[in-house]
Protein backbone atom coordinates (compact mmCIF):
# COMPACT_ATOMS: atom_id res chain seq x y z
CA MET A 1 -8.76 15.48 11.39
CA PRO A 2 -9.84 16.28 8.15
CA ASN A 3 -13.77 19.18 8.47
CA LYS A 4 -16.31 16.93 8.39
CA GLN A 5 -18.93 20.26 8.40
CA ALA A 6 -21.21 20.37 5.54
CA ALA A 7 -20.42 21.54 2.27
CA THR A 8 -22.60 22.02 -0.70
CA LEU A 9 -22.22 23.08 -4.57
CA HIS A 10 -25.67 24.12 -6.68
CA LEU A 11 -24.91 23.86 -10.30
CA ARG A 12 -26.92 25.24 -13.30
CA ARG A 13 -26.99 24.37 -16.67
CA VAL A 14 -29.42 27.14 -18.48
CA HIS A 15 -29.30 26.72 -22.63
CA ALA A 16 -33.27 28.79 -23.55
CA GLU A 17 -32.45 27.67 -27.41
CA ALA A 18 -32.68 24.25 -26.32
CA ASN A 19 -35.18 24.75 -23.87
CA MET A 20 -32.61 23.02 -21.24
CA HIS A 21 -33.04 24.79 -17.60
CA ARG A 22 -31.73 21.63 -15.31
CA PHE A 23 -29.86 21.99 -11.92
CA TYR A 24 -27.61 19.42 -9.76
CA MET A 25 -26.63 19.91 -5.89
CA LEU A 26 -24.19 18.08 -4.35
CA THR A 27 -24.12 18.12 -0.40
CA ILE A 28 -22.03 15.70 2.22
CA GLN A 29 -23.69 15.16 5.11
CA PRO A 30 -22.24 13.40 8.35
CA THR A 31 -24.95 10.95 9.61
CA LEU A 32 -25.50 9.49 13.21
CA PHE A 33 -22.90 6.74 12.92
CA GLY A 34 -19.61 9.04 12.18
CA GLU A 35 -20.35 8.01 8.64
CA ALA A 36 -20.90 10.61 5.64
CA SER A 37 -23.30 10.85 2.79
CA LEU A 38 -23.63 12.39 -0.59
CA ILE A 39 -26.23 13.72 -1.59
CA ARG A 40 -27.24 14.79 -5.28
CA ASN A 41 -30.25 16.06 -6.53
CA TRP A 42 -30.93 16.94 -9.89
CA GLY A 43 -33.55 18.39 -12.33
CA ARG A 44 -35.64 20.90 -14.31
CA ILE A 45 -35.22 24.05 -12.46
CA GLY A 46 -38.68 24.80 -10.87
CA ALA A 47 -39.22 21.00 -9.87
CA SER A 48 -38.41 19.03 -6.73
CA GLY A 49 -36.32 16.63 -9.28
CA GLN A 50 -34.58 13.63 -8.38
CA MET A 51 -32.76 12.17 -5.20
CA MET A 52 -29.72 10.12 -4.36
CA VAL A 53 -28.21 9.06 -0.90
CA GLN A 54 -24.16 7.74 -1.14
CA THR A 55 -23.30 6.68 2.52
CA PHE A 56 -19.15 6.14 2.30
CA ASP A 57 -17.02 5.65 5.62
CA SER A 58 -15.15 8.60 6.35
CA HIS A 59 -15.60 12.28 5.11
CA THR A 60 -12.53 12.15 2.75
CA GLU A 61 -13.91 9.79 0.45
CA ALA A 62 -17.12 11.70 0.09
CA LEU A 63 -15.43 14.80 -0.42
CA ALA A 64 -13.32 12.72 -2.88
CA ALA A 65 -16.52 12.28 -4.73
CA PHE A 66 -18.40 15.19 -3.76
CA ASN A 67 -15.60 16.87 -6.16
CA HIS A 68 -15.20 14.42 -8.67
CA ILE A 69 -18.77 14.50 -9.67
CA SER A 70 -18.00 18.50 -9.82
CA THR A 71 -15.43 18.31 -11.69
CA ARG A 72 -17.33 15.78 -14.51
CA LYS A 73 -20.87 18.25 -14.61
CA LYS A 74 -19.20 21.50 -14.77
CA ARG A 75 -17.05 18.99 -17.85
CA ARG A 76 -20.95 18.90 -19.43
CA GLY A 77 -21.73 22.86 -18.75
CA TYR A 78 -22.80 23.16 -15.94
CA GLY A 79 -22.10 26.33 -13.72
CA SER A 80 -21.99 27.56 -10.17
CA ALA A 81 -25.63 28.85 -9.58
CA ALA A 82 -24.58 32.68 -8.40
CA PRO A 83 -27.22 33.86 -5.22
CA ASP A 84 -28.83 36.00 -7.98
CA GLY A 85 -30.01 33.16 -9.80
CA ARG A 86 -27.75 33.41 -12.74
CA THR A 87 -25.27 31.07 -13.97
CA SER A 88 -21.15 31.37 -13.77
CA THR A 89 -19.12 28.61 -14.92
């Protein structure tokens, strides 16, 4: 049985010269009906941003989408947000 715990990833992309200060957050949460939801939140750092929820039949499908989006964002220059607020790539 796959691990059905919630997974969360915080990413940031900061380019001060271009006035670019963005965040992207991915979270997997179980639903009440045994499915898994992938919650995507993005926007400018300091703002609430936008949110999209995708529901999948299984945690495995949600995790595959989580990994695909994470890889795509890291390729575009996003890095993991450190607890002290810095970005690490």
